[in-house]
Amino acid sequence: MMKKHRYEFYNDQRGMTLVELIVAMLILGFASLWRSRQCLI
């Protein structure tokens, strides 16, 4: 577990942009869905 955690922490710098992009896309998608739902209701 410790080794996995270290590996993830070490690989976090490399995949930071990818993770941020995915998170941003997910947030935008959820926000748009919530907005459309509120508008419909």
C-alpha atoms as a PDB file:
ATOM      1  CA  MET A   1       0.000   0.000   0.000  1.00  0.00           C
ATOM      2  CA  MET A   2       2.787   2.395   0.897  1.00  0.00           C
ATOM      3  CA  LYS A   3       4.596   1.607  -2.338  1.00  0.00           C
ATOM      4  CA  LYS A   4       1.420   2.200  -4.330  1.00  0.00           C
ATOM      5  CA  HIS A   5       0.839   5.488  -2.534  1.00  0.00           C
ATOM      6  CA  ARG A   6       4.406   6.584  -3.262  1.00  0.00           C
ATOM      7  CA  TYR A   7       4.058   5.589  -6.902  1.00  0.00           C
ATOM      8  CA  GLU A   8       0.816   7.547  -7.195  1.00  0.00           C
ATOM      9  CA  PHE A   9       2.375  10.596  -5.555  1.00  0.00           C
ATOM     10  CA  TYR A  10       5.411  10.353  -7.857  1.00  0.00           C
ATOM     11  CA  ASN A  11       3.233   9.916 -10.955  1.00  0.00           C
ATOM     12  CA  ASP A  12       0.923  12.744  -9.841  1.00  0.00           C
ATOM     13  CA  GLN A  13       3.232  15.424 -11.285  1.00  0.00           C
ATOM     14  CA  ARG A  14       3.174  13.787 -14.729  1.00  0.00           C
ATOM     15  CA  GLY A  15      -0.594  13.244 -14.929  1.00  0.00           C
ATOM     16  CA  MET A  16      -1.560  16.479 -13.191  1.00  0.00           C
ATOM     17  CA  THR A  17      -2.738  18.196 -16.377  1.00  0.00           C
ATOM     18  CA  LEU A  18      -4.738  15.136 -17.510  1.00  0.00           C
ATOM     19  CA  VAL A  19      -6.433  14.753 -14.123  1.00  0.00           C
ATOM     20  CA  GLU A  20      -7.220  18.475 -13.954  1.00  0.00           C
ATOM     21  CA  LEU A  21      -8.689  18.380 -17.475  1.00  0.00           C
ATOM     22  CA  ILE A  22     -10.899  15.379 -16.659  1.00  0.00           C
ATOM     23  CA  VAL A  23     -12.063  16.929 -13.372  1.00  0.00           C
ATOM     24  CA  ALA A  24     -12.828  20.245 -15.093  1.00  0.00           C
ATOM     25  CA  MET A  25     -14.841  18.468 -17.813  1.00  0.00           C
ATOM     26  CA  LEU A  26     -16.802  16.491 -15.196  1.00  0.00           C
ATOM     27  CA  ILE A  27     -17.558  19.632 -13.167  1.00  0.00           C
ATOM     28  CA  LEU A  28     -18.685  21.508 -16.298  1.00  0.00           C
ATOM     29  CA  GLY A  29     -20.904  18.597 -17.333  1.00  0.00           C
ATOM     30  CA  PHE A  30     -22.539  18.306 -13.916  1.00  0.00           C
ATOM     31  CA  ALA A  31     -23.010  22.082 -13.716  1.00  0.00           C
ATOM     32  CA  SER A  32     -24.686  22.211 -17.145  1.00  0.00           C
ATOM     33  CA  LEU A  33     -26.950  19.274 -16.234  1.00  0.00           C
ATOM     34  CA  TRP A  34     -27.933  20.910 -12.932  1.00  0.00           C
ATOM     35  CA  ARG A  35     -28.603  24.234 -14.704  1.00  0.00           C
ATOM     36  CA  SER A  36     -30.770  22.622 -17.390  1.00  0.00           C
ATOM     37  CA  ARG A  37     -32.690  20.732 -14.687  1.00  0.00           C
ATOM     38  CA  GLN A  38     -33.361  23.923 -12.740  1.00  0.00           C
ATOM     39  CA  CYS A  39     -34.419  25.752 -15.928  1.00  0.00           C
ATOM     40  CA  LEU A  40     -36.809  22.936 -16.882  1.00  0.00           C
ATOM     41  CA  ILE A  41     -38.382  22.934 -13.406  1.00  0.00           C
END
